Amino acid sequence: MLYLLVLAACILVTLPLELVLGVRVYRRPRRLLLTIAPVFAVFVAWDALAIHAGQWSYHRLTRLLVGNVPIEELLFFVVIPTCAVLSLEAVRRTKPTWQVDDVDREPS
């Protein structure tokens, strides 16, 4: 249960970035999904293969599984990248001269 509490704390700590700074990460769900989906797919596959091969295991979790991967691990691969995107967008919002190549940038 502690693992889930840590994930919830990560969301709670970064939520003000959305609400106060208005970074608009949650207001652009398609963009967030396109950002997180490749990371999610690669790391879930990696974990599933490692668990199947006996190279990786989890203890003291809720024991709720999707396939052979614990639900906490699946949530980790959504929560942590989301928090990272929120943090990146907060820096971009507060430092307008700091450029990151992406689709929102206007052509020069």
PDB file of N, CA and C in Angstrom:
ATOM      1  N   MET A   1       0.820  -1.196   0.000  1.00  0.00           N
ATOM      2  CA  MET A   1       0.000   0.000   0.000  1.00  0.00           C
ATOM      3  C   MET A   1       0.868   1.266   0.000  1.00  0.00           C
ATOM      4  N   LEU A   2       2.047   1.181   0.575  1.00  0.00           N
ATOM      5  CA  LEU A   2       2.952   2.322   0.608  1.00  0.00           C
ATOM      6  C   LEU A   2       3.318   2.775  -0.804  1.00  0.00           C
ATOM      7  N   TYR A   3       3.502   1.814  -1.690  1.00  0.00           N
ATOM      8  CA  TYR A   3       3.848   2.112  -3.084  1.00  0.00           C
ATOM      9  C   TYR A   3       2.766   2.987  -3.722  1.00  0.00           C
ATOM     10  N   LEU A   4       1.500   2.625  -3.490  1.00  0.00           N
ATOM     11  CA  LEU A   4       0.389   3.407  -4.034  1.00  0.00           C
ATOM     12  C   LEU A   4       0.329   4.793  -3.409  1.00  0.00           C
ATOM     13  N   LEU A   5       0.657   4.895  -2.131  1.00  0.00           N
ATOM     14  CA  LEU A   5       0.677   6.191  -1.469  1.00  0.00           C
ATOM     15  C   LEU A   5       1.772   7.099  -2.042  1.00  0.00           C
ATOM     16  N   VAL A   6       2.912   6.525  -2.359  1.00  0.00           N
ATOM     17  CA  VAL A   6       3.996   7.302  -2.970  1.00  0.00           C
ATOM     18  C   VAL A   6       3.564   7.812  -4.346  1.00  0.00           C
ATOM     19  N   LEU A   7       2.912   6.968  -5.126  1.00  0.00           N
ATOM     20  CA  LEU A   7       2.420   7.401  -6.440  1.00  0.00           C
ATOM     21  C   LEU A   7       1.378   8.508  -6.291  1.00  0.00           C
ATOM     22  N   ALA A   8       0.478   8.360  -5.320  1.00  0.00           N
ATOM     23  CA  ALA A   8      -0.524   9.398  -5.072  1.00  0.00           C
ATOM     24  C   ALA A   8       0.149  10.699  -4.639  1.00  0.00           C
ATOM     25  N   ALA A   9       1.176  10.603  -3.818  1.00  0.00           N
ATOM     26  CA  ALA A   9       1.904  11.796  -3.375  1.00  0.00           C
ATOM     27  C   ALA A   9       2.567  12.492  -4.564  1.00  0.00           C
ATOM     28  N   CYS A  10       3.102  11.715  -5.494  1.00  0.00           N
ATOM     29  CA  CYS A  10       3.713  12.309  -6.694  1.00  0.00           C
ATOM     30  C   CYS A  10       2.687  13.124  -7.472  1.00  0.00           C
ATOM     31  N   ILE A  11       1.498  12.602  -7.619  1.00  0.00           N
ATOM     32  CA  ILE A  11       0.435  13.325  -8.322  1.00  0.00           C
ATOM     33  C   ILE A  11       0.026  14.566  -7.538  1.00  0.00           C
ATOM     34  N   LEU A  12      -0.135  14.419  -6.222  1.00  0.00           N
ATOM     35  CA  LEU A  12      -0.547  15.559  -5.402  1.00  0.00           C
ATOM     36  C   LEU A  12       0.494  16.679  -5.393  1.00  0.00           C
ATOM     37  N   VAL A  13       1.759  16.311  -5.386  1.00  0.00           N
ATOM     38  CA  VAL A  13       2.827  17.316  -5.356  1.00  0.00           C
ATOM     39  C   VAL A  13       2.905  18.073  -6.680  1.00  0.00           C
ATOM     40  N   THR A  14       2.650  17.394  -7.782  1.00  0.00           N
ATOM     41  CA  THR A  14       2.748  18.063  -9.084  1.00  0.00           C
ATOM     42  C   THR A  14       1.419  18.670  -9.552  1.00  0.00           C
ATOM     43  N   LEU A  15       0.324  18.345  -8.913  1.00  0.00           N
ATOM     44  CA  LEU A  15      -0.985  18.880  -9.307  1.00  0.00           C
ATOM     45  C   LEU A  15      -1.034  20.410  -9.290  1.00  0.00           C
ATOM     46  N   PRO A  16      -0.410  21.081  -8.319  1.00  0.00           N
ATOM     47  CA  PRO A  16      -0.425  22.549  -8.372  1.00  0.00           C
ATOM     48  C   PRO A  16       0.211  23.125  -9.639  1.00  0.00           C
ATOM     49  N   LEU A  17       1.094  22.381 -10.270  1.00  0.00           N
ATOM     50  CA  LEU A  17       1.675  22.863 -11.522  1.00  0.00           C
ATOM     51  C   LEU A  17       0.588  23.038 -12.575  1.00  0.00           C
ATOM     52  N   GLU A  18      -0.377  22.148 -12.567  1.00  0.00           N
ATOM     53  CA  GLU A  18      -1.506  22.227 -13.502  1.00  0.00           C
ATOM     54  C   GLU A  18      -2.480  23.321 -13.065  1.00  0.00           C
ATOM     55  N   LEU A  19      -2.801  23.319 -11.780  1.00  0.00           N
ATOM     56  CA  LEU A  19      -3.840  24.212 -11.283  1.00  0.00           C
ATOM     57  C   LEU A  19      -3.375  25.653 -11.099  1.00  0.00           C
ATOM     58  N   VAL A  20      -2.175  25.849 -10.580  1.00  0.00           N
ATOM     59  CA  VAL A  20      -1.686  27.197 -10.276  1.00  0.00           C
ATOM     60  C   VAL A  20      -0.955  27.808 -11.466  1.00  0.00           C
ATOM     61  N   LEU A  21      -0.030  27.045 -12.034  1.00  0.00           N
ATOM     62  CA  LEU A  21       0.741  27.575 -13.164  1.00  0.00           C
ATOM     63  C   LEU A  21       0.011  27.441 -14.491  1.00  0.00           C
ATOM     64  N   GLY A  22      -0.984  26.586 -14.537  1.00  0.00           N
ATOM     65  CA  GLY A  22      -1.743  26.409 -15.776  1.00  0.00           C
ATOM     66  C   GLY A  22      -0.927  25.812 -16.903  1.00  0.00           C
ATOM     67  N   VAL A  23      -0.184  24.745 -16.611  1.00  0.00           N
ATOM     68  CA  VAL A  23       0.679  24.156 -17.635  1.00  0.00           C
ATOM     69  C   VAL A  23      -0.092  23.379 -18.695  1.00  0.00           C
ATOM     70  N   ARG A  24      -1.365  23.116 -18.454  1.00  0.00           N
ATOM     71  CA  ARG A  24      -2.274  22.504 -19.430  1.00  0.00           C
ATOM     72  C   ARG A  24      -1.878  21.098 -19.885  1.00  0.00           C
ATOM     73  N   VAL A  25      -1.309  20.327 -18.997  1.00  0.00           N
ATOM     74  CA  VAL A  25      -0.975  18.943 -19.340  1.00  0.00           C
ATOM     75  C   VAL A  25      -2.240  18.090 -19.328  1.00  0.00           C
ATOM     76  N   TYR A  26      -3.052  18.211 -18.288  1.00  0.00           N
ATOM     77  CA  TYR A  26      -4.278  17.417 -18.200  1.00  0.00           C
ATOM     78  C   TYR A  26      -5.342  17.913 -19.170  1.00  0.00           C
ATOM     79  N   ARG A  27      -5.234  19.139 -19.623  1.00  0.00           N
ATOM     80  CA  ARG A  27      -6.209  19.687 -20.579  1.00  0.00           C
ATOM     81  C   ARG A  27      -5.905  19.279 -22.008  1.00  0.00           C
ATOM     82  N   ARG A  28      -4.779  18.610 -22.201  1.00  0.00           N
ATOM     83  CA  ARG A  28      -4.407  18.107 -23.528  1.00  0.00           C
ATOM     84  C   ARG A  28      -4.157  16.598 -23.425  1.00  0.00           C
ATOM     85  N   PRO A  29      -5.219  15.828 -23.171  1.00  0.00           N
ATOM     86  CA  PRO A  29      -5.044  14.397 -22.917  1.00  0.00           C
ATOM     87  C   PRO A  29      -4.461  13.626 -24.099  1.00  0.00           C
ATOM     88  N   ARG A  30      -4.786  14.031 -25.309  1.00  0.00           N
ATOM     89  CA  ARG A  30      -4.244  13.319 -26.479  1.00  0.00           C
ATOM     90  C   ARG A  30      -2.721  13.462 -26.524  1.00  0.00           C
ATOM     91  N   ARG A  31      -2.256  14.669 -26.294  1.00  0.00           N
ATOM     92  CA  ARG A  31      -0.814  14.912 -26.299  1.00  0.00           C
ATOM     93  C   ARG A  31      -0.120  14.142 -25.179  1.00  0.00           C
ATOM     94  N   LEU A  32      -0.723  14.136 -23.991  1.00  0.00           N
ATOM     95  CA  LEU A  32      -0.158  13.389 -22.870  1.00  0.00           C
ATOM     96  C   LEU A  32      -0.124  11.897 -23.189  1.00  0.00           C
ATOM     97  N   LEU A  33      -1.205  11.383 -23.760  1.00  0.00           N
ATOM     98  CA  LEU A  33      -1.251   9.970 -24.131  1.00  0.00           C
ATOM     99  C   LEU A  33      -0.179   9.624 -25.159  1.00  0.00           C
ATOM    100  N   LEU A  34      -0.008  10.476 -26.161  1.00  0.00           N
ATOM    101  CA  LEU A  34       1.023  10.229 -27.174  1.00  0.00           C
ATOM    102  C   LEU A  34       2.433  10.287 -26.585  1.00  0.00           C
ATOM    103  N   THR A  35       2.596  11.040 -25.522  1.00  0.00           N
ATOM    104  CA  THR A  35       3.887  11.133 -24.853  1.00  0.00           C
ATOM    105  C   THR A  35       4.164   9.908 -23.993  1.00  0.00           C
ATOM    106  N   ILE A  36       3.159   9.472 -23.268  1.00  0.00           N
ATOM    107  CA  ILE A  36       3.330   8.390 -22.299  1.00  0.00           C
ATOM    108  C   ILE A  36       3.225   7.000 -22.922  1.00  0.00           C
ATOM    109  N   ALA A  37       2.413   6.849 -23.934  1.00  0.00           N
ATOM    110  CA  ALA A  37       2.148   5.519 -24.506  1.00  0.00           C
ATOM    111  C   ALA A  37       3.405   4.750 -24.914  1.00  0.00           C
ATOM    112  N   PRO A  38       4.358   5.352 -25.627  1.00  0.00           N
ATOM    113  CA  PRO A  38       5.552   4.569 -25.996  1.00  0.00           C
ATOM    114  C   PRO A  38       6.364   4.119 -24.786  1.00  0.00           C
ATOM    115  N   VAL A  39       6.505   5.000 -23.808  1.00  0.00           N
ATOM    116  CA  VAL A  39       7.235   4.661 -22.582  1.00  0.00           C
ATOM    117  C   VAL A  39       6.524   3.517 -21.858  1.00  0.00           C
ATOM    118  N   PHE A  40       5.211   3.651 -21.745  1.00  0.00           N
ATOM    119  CA  PHE A  40       4.403   2.641 -21.076  1.00  0.00           C
ATOM    120  C   PHE A  40       4.564   1.282 -21.773  1.00  0.00           C
ATOM    121  N   ALA A  41       4.417   1.269 -23.081  1.00  0.00           N
ATOM    122  CA  ALA A  41       4.495   0.011 -23.841  1.00  0.00           C
ATOM    123  C   ALA A  41       5.854  -0.668 -23.681  1.00  0.00           C
ATOM    124  N   VAL A  42       6.916   0.095 -23.818  1.00  0.00           N
ATOM    125  CA  VAL A  42       8.260  -0.484 -23.736  1.00  0.00           C
ATOM    126  C   VAL A  42       8.540  -1.037 -22.349  1.00  0.00           C
ATOM    127  N   PHE A  43       8.266  -0.260 -21.322  1.00  0.00           N
ATOM    128  CA  PHE A  43       8.620  -0.701 -19.977  1.00  0.00           C
ATOM    129  C   PHE A  43       7.695  -1.780 -19.432  1.00  0.00           C
ATOM    130  N   VAL A  44       6.428  -1.775 -19.813  1.00  0.00           N
ATOM    131  CA  VAL A  44       5.537  -2.868 -19.397  1.00  0.00           C
ATOM    132  C   VAL A  44       5.983  -4.162 -20.064  1.00  0.00           C
ATOM    133  N   ALA A  45       6.304  -4.100 -21.351  1.00  0.00           N
ATOM    134  CA  ALA A  45       6.801  -5.303 -22.041  1.00  0.00           C
ATOM    135  C   ALA A  45       8.085  -5.793 -21.396  1.00  0.00           C
ATOM    136  N   TRP A  46       8.976  -4.888 -21.094  1.00  0.00           N
ATOM    137  CA  TRP A  46      10.249  -5.227 -20.460  1.00  0.00           C
ATOM    138  C   TRP A  46      10.003  -5.915 -19.112  1.00  0.00           C
ATOM    139  N   ASP A  47       9.144  -5.323 -18.287  1.00  0.00           N
ATOM    140  CA  ASP A  47       8.838  -5.924 -16.987  1.00  0.00           C
ATOM    141  C   ASP A  47       8.178  -7.288 -17.143  1.00  0.00           C
ATOM    142  N   ALA A  48       7.209  -7.381 -18.053  1.00  0.00           N
ATOM    143  CA  ALA A  48       6.502  -8.652 -18.247  1.00  0.00           C
ATOM    144  C   ALA A  48       7.475  -9.749 -18.665  1.00  0.00           C
ATOM    145  N   LEU A  49       8.383  -9.436 -19.574  1.00  0.00           N
ATOM    146  CA  LEU A  49       9.376 -10.437 -19.997  1.00  0.00           C
ATOM    147  C   LEU A  49      10.331 -10.798 -18.868  1.00  0.00           C
ATOM    148  N   ALA A  50      10.765  -9.806 -18.106  1.00  0.00           N
ATOM    149  CA  ALA A  50      11.683 -10.077 -16.989  1.00  0.00           C
ATOM    150  C   ALA A  50      11.003 -10.905 -15.909  1.00  0.00           C
ATOM    151  N   ILE A  51       9.740 -10.622 -15.629  1.00  0.00           N
ATOM    152  CA  ILE A  51       8.993 -11.415 -14.637  1.00  0.00           C
ATOM    153  C   ILE A  51       8.823 -12.840 -15.144  1.00  0.00           C
ATOM    154  N   HIS A  52       8.437 -12.971 -16.395  1.00  0.00           N
ATOM    155  CA  HIS A  52       8.247 -14.295 -16.991  1.00  0.00           C
ATOM    156  C   HIS A  52       9.542 -15.121 -16.961  1.00  0.00           C
ATOM    157  N   ALA A  53      10.673 -14.466 -17.196  1.00  0.00           N
ATOM    158  CA  ALA A  53      11.965 -15.159 -17.220  1.00  0.00           C
ATOM    159  C   ALA A  53      12.505 -15.419 -15.813  1.00  0.00           C
ATOM    160  N   GLY A  54      11.811 -14.918 -14.796  1.00  0.00           N
ATOM    161  CA  GLY A  54      12.269 -15.115 -13.428  1.00  0.00           C
ATOM    162  C   GLY A  54      13.400 -14.182 -13.033  1.00  0.00           C
ATOM    163  N   GLN A  55      13.642 -13.145 -13.825  1.00  0.00           N
ATOM    164  CA  GLN A  55      14.709 -12.197 -13.535  1.00  0.00           C
ATOM    165  C   GLN A  55      14.236 -11.033 -12.666  1.00  0.00           C
ATOM    166  N   TRP A  56      12.951 -10.905 -12.498  1.00  0.00           N
ATOM    167  CA  TRP A  56      12.389  -9.777 -11.780  1.00  0.00           C
ATOM    168  C   TRP A  56      11.196 -10.260 -10.988  1.00  0.00           C
ATOM    169  N   SER A  57      11.023  -9.750  -9.791  1.00  0.00           N
ATOM    170  CA  SER A  57       9.845 -10.124  -9.003  1.00  0.00           C
ATOM    171  C   SER A  57       9.468  -8.962  -8.093  1.00  0.00           C
ATOM    172  N   TYR A  58       8.250  -9.012  -7.597  1.00  0.00           N
ATOM    173  CA  TYR A  58       7.732  -7.967  -6.725  1.00  0.00           C
ATOM    174  C   TYR A  58       7.214  -8.625  -5.457  1.00  0.00           C
ATOM    175  N   HIS A  59       7.458  -7.969  -4.342  1.00  0.00           N
ATOM    176  CA  HIS A  59       6.989  -8.469  -3.051  1.00  0.00           C
ATOM    177  C   HIS A  59       6.294  -7.330  -2.320  1.00  0.00           C
ATOM    178  N   ARG A  60       5.387  -7.692  -1.472  1.00  0.00           N
ATOM    179  CA  ARG A  60       4.689  -6.727  -0.607  1.00  0.00           C
ATOM    180  C   ARG A  60       3.856  -5.715  -1.382  1.00  0.00           C
ATOM    181  N   LEU A  61       3.321  -6.109  -2.493  1.00  0.00           N
ATOM    182  CA  LEU A  61       2.413  -5.244  -3.236  1.00  0.00           C
ATOM    183  C   LEU A  61       0.990  -5.757  -3.035  1.00  0.00           C
ATOM    184  N   THR A  62       0.022  -5.148  -3.681  1.00  0.00           N
ATOM    185  CA  THR A  62      -1.375  -5.537  -3.478  1.00  0.00           C
ATOM    186  C   THR A  62      -1.709  -6.906  -4.058  1.00  0.00           C
ATOM    187  N   ARG A  63      -0.841  -7.440  -4.877  1.00  0.00           N
ATOM    188  CA  ARG A  63      -1.026  -8.721  -5.568  1.00  0.00           C
ATOM    189  C   ARG A  63      -2.110  -8.662  -6.654  1.00  0.00           C
ATOM    190  N   LEU A  64      -2.507  -7.440  -7.037  1.00  0.00           N
ATOM    191  CA  LEU A  64      -3.406  -7.283  -8.174  1.00  0.00           C
ATOM    192  C   LEU A  64      -2.535  -7.241  -9.418  1.00  0.00           C
ATOM    193  N   LEU A  65      -2.799  -8.161 -10.335  1.00  0.00           N
ATOM    194  CA  LEU A  65      -1.962  -8.290 -11.521  1.00  0.00           C
ATOM    195  C   LEU A  65      -2.757  -8.052 -12.794  1.00  0.00           C
ATOM    196  N   VAL A  66      -2.082  -7.519 -13.790  1.00  0.00           N
ATOM    197  CA  VAL A  66      -2.591  -7.478 -15.156  1.00  0.00           C
ATOM    198  C   VAL A  66      -1.592  -8.311 -15.938  1.00  0.00           C
ATOM    199  N   GLY A  67      -2.028  -9.510 -16.343  1.00  0.00           N
ATOM    200  CA  GLY A  67      -1.072 -10.483 -16.866  1.00  0.00           C
ATOM    201  C   GLY A  67      -0.202 -10.914 -15.709  1.00  0.00           C
ATOM    202  N   ASN A  68       1.091 -10.717 -15.841  1.00  0.00           N
ATOM    203  CA  ASN A  68       1.972 -11.041 -14.724  1.00  0.00           C
ATOM    204  C   ASN A  68       2.603  -9.790 -14.102  1.00  0.00           C
ATOM    205  N   VAL A  69       2.110  -8.613 -14.504  1.00  0.00           N
ATOM    206  CA  VAL A  69       2.669  -7.349 -14.022  1.00  0.00           C
ATOM    207  C   VAL A  69       1.753  -6.760 -12.941  1.00  0.00           C
ATOM    208  N   PRO A  70       2.315  -6.407 -11.788  1.00  0.00           N
ATOM    209  CA  PRO A  70       1.506  -5.807 -10.711  1.00  0.00           C
ATOM    210  C   PRO A  70       0.899  -4.467 -11.138  1.00  0.00           C
ATOM    211  N   ILE A  71      -0.303  -4.214 -10.659  1.00  0.00           N
ATOM    212  CA  ILE A  71      -1.011  -2.975 -10.993  1.00  0.00           C
ATOM    213  C   ILE A  71      -0.206  -1.748 -10.565  1.00  0.00           C
ATOM    214  N   GLU A  72       0.526  -1.866  -9.455  1.00  0.00           N
ATOM    215  CA  GLU A  72       1.344  -0.737  -8.996  1.00  0.00           C
ATOM    216  C   GLU A  72       2.409  -0.371 -10.026  1.00  0.00           C
ATOM    217  N   GLU A  73       2.958  -1.373 -10.678  1.00  0.00           N
ATOM    218  CA  GLU A  73       3.991  -1.120 -11.679  1.00  0.00           C
ATOM    219  C   GLU A  73       3.379  -0.444 -12.909  1.00  0.00           C
ATOM    220  N   LEU A  74       2.193  -0.871 -13.297  1.00  0.00           N
ATOM    221  CA  LEU A  74       1.506  -0.220 -14.419  1.00  0.00           C
ATOM    222  C   LEU A  74       1.204   1.239 -14.088  1.00  0.00           C
ATOM    223  N   LEU A  75       0.735   1.478 -12.870  1.00  0.00           N
ATOM    224  CA  LEU A  75       0.462   2.852 -12.449  1.00  0.00           C
ATOM    225  C   LEU A  75       1.735   3.689 -12.415  1.00  0.00           C
ATOM    226  N   PHE A  76       2.839   3.074 -11.991  1.00  0.00           N
ATOM    227  CA  PHE A  76       4.122   3.769 -11.968  1.00  0.00           C
ATOM    228  C   PHE A  76       4.466   4.295 -13.355  1.00  0.00           C
ATOM    229  N   PHE A  77       4.230   3.472 -14.382  1.00  0.00           N
ATOM    230  CA  PHE A  77       4.578   3.857 -15.747  1.00  0.00           C
ATOM    231  C   PHE A  77       3.631   4.899 -16.338  1.00  0.00           C
ATOM    232  N   VAL A  78       2.565   5.224 -15.629  1.00  0.00           N
ATOM    233  CA  VAL A  78       1.685   6.321 -16.024  1.00  0.00           C
ATOM    234  C   VAL A  78       1.971   7.551 -15.159  1.00  0.00           C
ATOM    235  N   VAL A  79       2.043   7.347 -13.854  1.00  0.00           N
ATOM    236  CA  VAL A  79       2.177   8.456 -12.910  1.00  0.00           C
ATOM    237  C   VAL A  79       3.509   9.188 -13.058  1.00  0.00           C
ATOM    238  N   ILE A  80       4.611   8.462 -13.055  1.00  0.00           N
ATOM    239  CA  ILE A  80       5.922   9.115 -13.062  1.00  0.00           C
ATOM    240  C   ILE A  80       6.160   9.882 -14.369  1.00  0.00           C
ATOM    241  N   PRO A  81       5.881   9.317 -15.537  1.00  0.00           N
ATOM    242  CA  PRO A  81       6.024  10.139 -16.755  1.00  0.00           C
ATOM    243  C   PRO A  81       5.082  11.349 -16.771  1.00  0.00           C
ATOM    244  N   THR A  82       3.879  11.202 -16.240  1.00  0.00           N
ATOM    245  CA  THR A  82       2.956  12.338 -16.174  1.00  0.00           C
ATOM    246  C   THR A  82       3.536  13.443 -15.301  1.00  0.00           C
ATOM    247  N   CYS A  83       4.088  13.065 -14.154  1.00  0.00           N
ATOM    248  CA  CYS A  83       4.716  14.055 -13.272  1.00  0.00           C
ATOM    249  C   CYS A  83       5.924  14.704 -13.954  1.00  0.00           C
ATOM    250  N   ALA A  84       6.664  13.924 -14.710  1.00  0.00           N
ATOM    251  CA  ALA A  84       7.813  14.473 -15.434  1.00  0.00           C
ATOM    252  C   ALA A  84       7.354  15.478 -16.492  1.00  0.00           C
ATOM    253  N   VAL A  85       6.291  15.153 -17.204  1.00  0.00           N
ATOM    254  CA  VAL A  85       5.759  16.069 -18.221  1.00  0.00           C
ATOM    255  C   VAL A  85       5.237  17.344 -17.556  1.00  0.00           C
ATOM    256  N   LEU A  86       4.539  17.191 -16.432  1.00  0.00           N
ATOM    257  CA  LEU A  86       4.074  18.366 -15.689  1.00  0.00           C
ATOM    258  C   LEU A  86       5.243  19.252 -15.282  1.00  0.00           C
ATOM    259  N   SER A  87       6.313  18.637 -14.804  1.00  0.00           N
ATOM    260  CA  SER A  87       7.496  19.403 -14.387  1.00  0.00           C
ATOM    261  C   SER A  87       8.146  20.104 -15.574  1.00  0.00           C
ATOM    262  N   LEU A  88       8.285  19.397 -16.681  1.00  0.00           N
ATOM    263  CA  LEU A  88       8.855  19.999 -17.888  1.00  0.00           C
ATOM    264  C   LEU A  88       8.031  21.188 -18.354  1.00  0.00           C
ATOM    265  N   GLU A  89       6.732  21.011 -18.399  1.00  0.00           N
ATOM    266  CA  GLU A  89       5.860  22.095 -18.854  1.00  0.00           C
ATOM    267  C   GLU A  89       5.868  23.277 -17.881  1.00  0.00           C
ATOM    268  N   ALA A  90       6.044  23.007 -16.595  1.00  0.00           N
ATOM    269  CA  ALA A  90       6.144  24.094 -15.614  1.00  0.00           C
ATOM    270  C   ALA A  90       7.407  24.910 -15.853  1.00  0.00           C
ATOM    271  N   VAL A  91       8.511  24.238 -16.155  1.00  0.00           N
ATOM    272  CA  VAL A  91       9.751  24.955 -16.453  1.00  0.00           C
ATOM    273  C   VAL A  91       9.563  25.779 -17.721  1.00  0.00           C
ATOM    274  N   ARG A  92       8.960  25.185 -18.720  1.00  0.00           N
ATOM    275  CA  ARG A  92       8.712  25.925 -19.972  1.00  0.00           C
ATOM    276  C   ARG A  92       7.833  27.145 -19.724  1.00  0.00           C
ATOM    277  N   ARG A  93       6.867  26.994 -18.850  1.00  0.00           N
ATOM    278  CA  ARG A  93       5.931  28.092 -18.559  1.00  0.00           C
ATOM    279  C   ARG A  93       6.629  29.233 -17.821  1.00  0.00           C
ATOM    280  N   THR A  94       7.522  28.889 -16.914  1.00  0.00           N
ATOM    281  CA  THR A  94       8.180  29.915 -16.104  1.00  0.00           C
ATOM    282  C   THR A  94       9.450  30.454 -16.748  1.00  0.00           C
ATOM    283  N   LYS A  95       9.976  29.753 -17.736  1.00  0.00           N
ATOM    284  CA  LYS A  95      11.187  30.175 -18.456  1.00  0.00           C
ATOM    285  C   LYS A  95      10.866  30.221 -19.946  1.00  0.00           C
ATOM    286  N   PRO A  96      10.174  31.267 -20.416  1.00  0.00           N
ATOM    287  CA  PRO A  96       9.725  31.308 -21.812  1.00  0.00           C
ATOM    288  C   PRO A  96      10.854  31.271 -22.843  1.00  0.00           C
ATOM    289  N   THR A  97      12.061  31.641 -22.447  1.00  0.00           N
ATOM    290  CA  THR A  97      13.165  31.612 -23.405  1.00  0.00           C
ATOM    291  C   THR A  97      13.749  30.209 -23.566  1.00  0.00           C
ATOM    292  N   TRP A  98      13.372  29.288 -22.685  1.00  0.00           N
ATOM    293  CA  TRP A  98      13.880  27.921 -22.741  1.00  0.00           C
ATOM    294  C   TRP A  98      13.062  27.137 -23.749  1.00  0.00           C
ATOM    295  N   GLN A  99      13.665  26.717 -24.833  1.00  0.00           N
ATOM    296  CA  GLN A  99      12.950  26.042 -25.918  1.00  0.00           C
ATOM    297  C   GLN A  99      13.156  24.535 -25.866  1.00  0.00           C
ATOM    298  N   VAL A 100      12.089  23.823 -26.125  1.00  0.00           N
ATOM    299  CA  VAL A 100      12.115  22.379 -26.275  1.00  0.00           C
ATOM    300  C   VAL A 100      11.451  22.091 -27.610  1.00  0.00           C
ATOM    301  N   ASP A 101      12.109  21.326 -28.463  1.00  0.00           N
ATOM    302  CA  ASP A 101      11.489  21.009 -29.742  1.00  0.00           C
ATOM    303  C   ASP A 101      10.260  20.141 -29.527  1.00  0.00           C
ATOM    304  N   ASP A 102       9.147  20.608 -30.036  1.00  0.00           N
ATOM    305  CA  ASP A 102       7.923  19.816 -30.024  1.00  0.00           C
ATOM    306  C   ASP A 102       6.947  20.410 -31.018  1.00  0.00           C
ATOM    307  N   VAL A 103       5.782  19.841 -31.079  1.00  0.00           N
ATOM    308  CA  VAL A 103       4.798  20.251 -32.090  1.00  0.00           C
ATOM    309  C   VAL A 103       4.151  21.597 -31.798  1.00  0.00           C
ATOM    310  N   ASP A 104       4.257  22.102 -30.576  1.00  0.00           N
ATOM    311  CA  ASP A 104       3.623  23.376 -30.244  1.00  0.00           C
ATOM    312  C   ASP A 104       4.468  24.587 -30.666  1.00  0.00           C
ATOM    313  N   ARG A 105       5.721  24.340 -30.961  1.00  0.00           N
ATOM    314  CA  ARG A 105       6.594  25.456 -31.304  1.00  0.00           C
ATOM    315  C   ARG A 105       6.245  25.966 -32.694  1.00  0.00           C
ATOM    316  N   GLU A 106       6.180  27.280 -32.803  1.00  0.00           N
ATOM    317  CA  GLU A 106       5.857  27.866 -34.104  1.00  0.00           C
ATOM    318  C   GLU A 106       7.068  27.802 -35.012  1.00  0.00           C
ATOM    319  N   PRO A 107       6.863  27.561 -36.310  1.00  0.00           N
ATOM    320  CA  PRO A 107       7.991  27.498 -37.233  1.00  0.00           C
ATOM    321  C   PRO A 107       8.707  28.834 -37.327  1.00  0.00           C
ATOM    322  N   SER A 108      10.036  28.786 -37.522  1.00  0.00           N
ATOM    323  CA  SER A 108      10.793  30.036 -37.602  1.00  0.00           C
ATOM    324  C   SER A 108      10.882  30.531 -39.025  1.00  0.00           C
TER     325      SER A 108
END
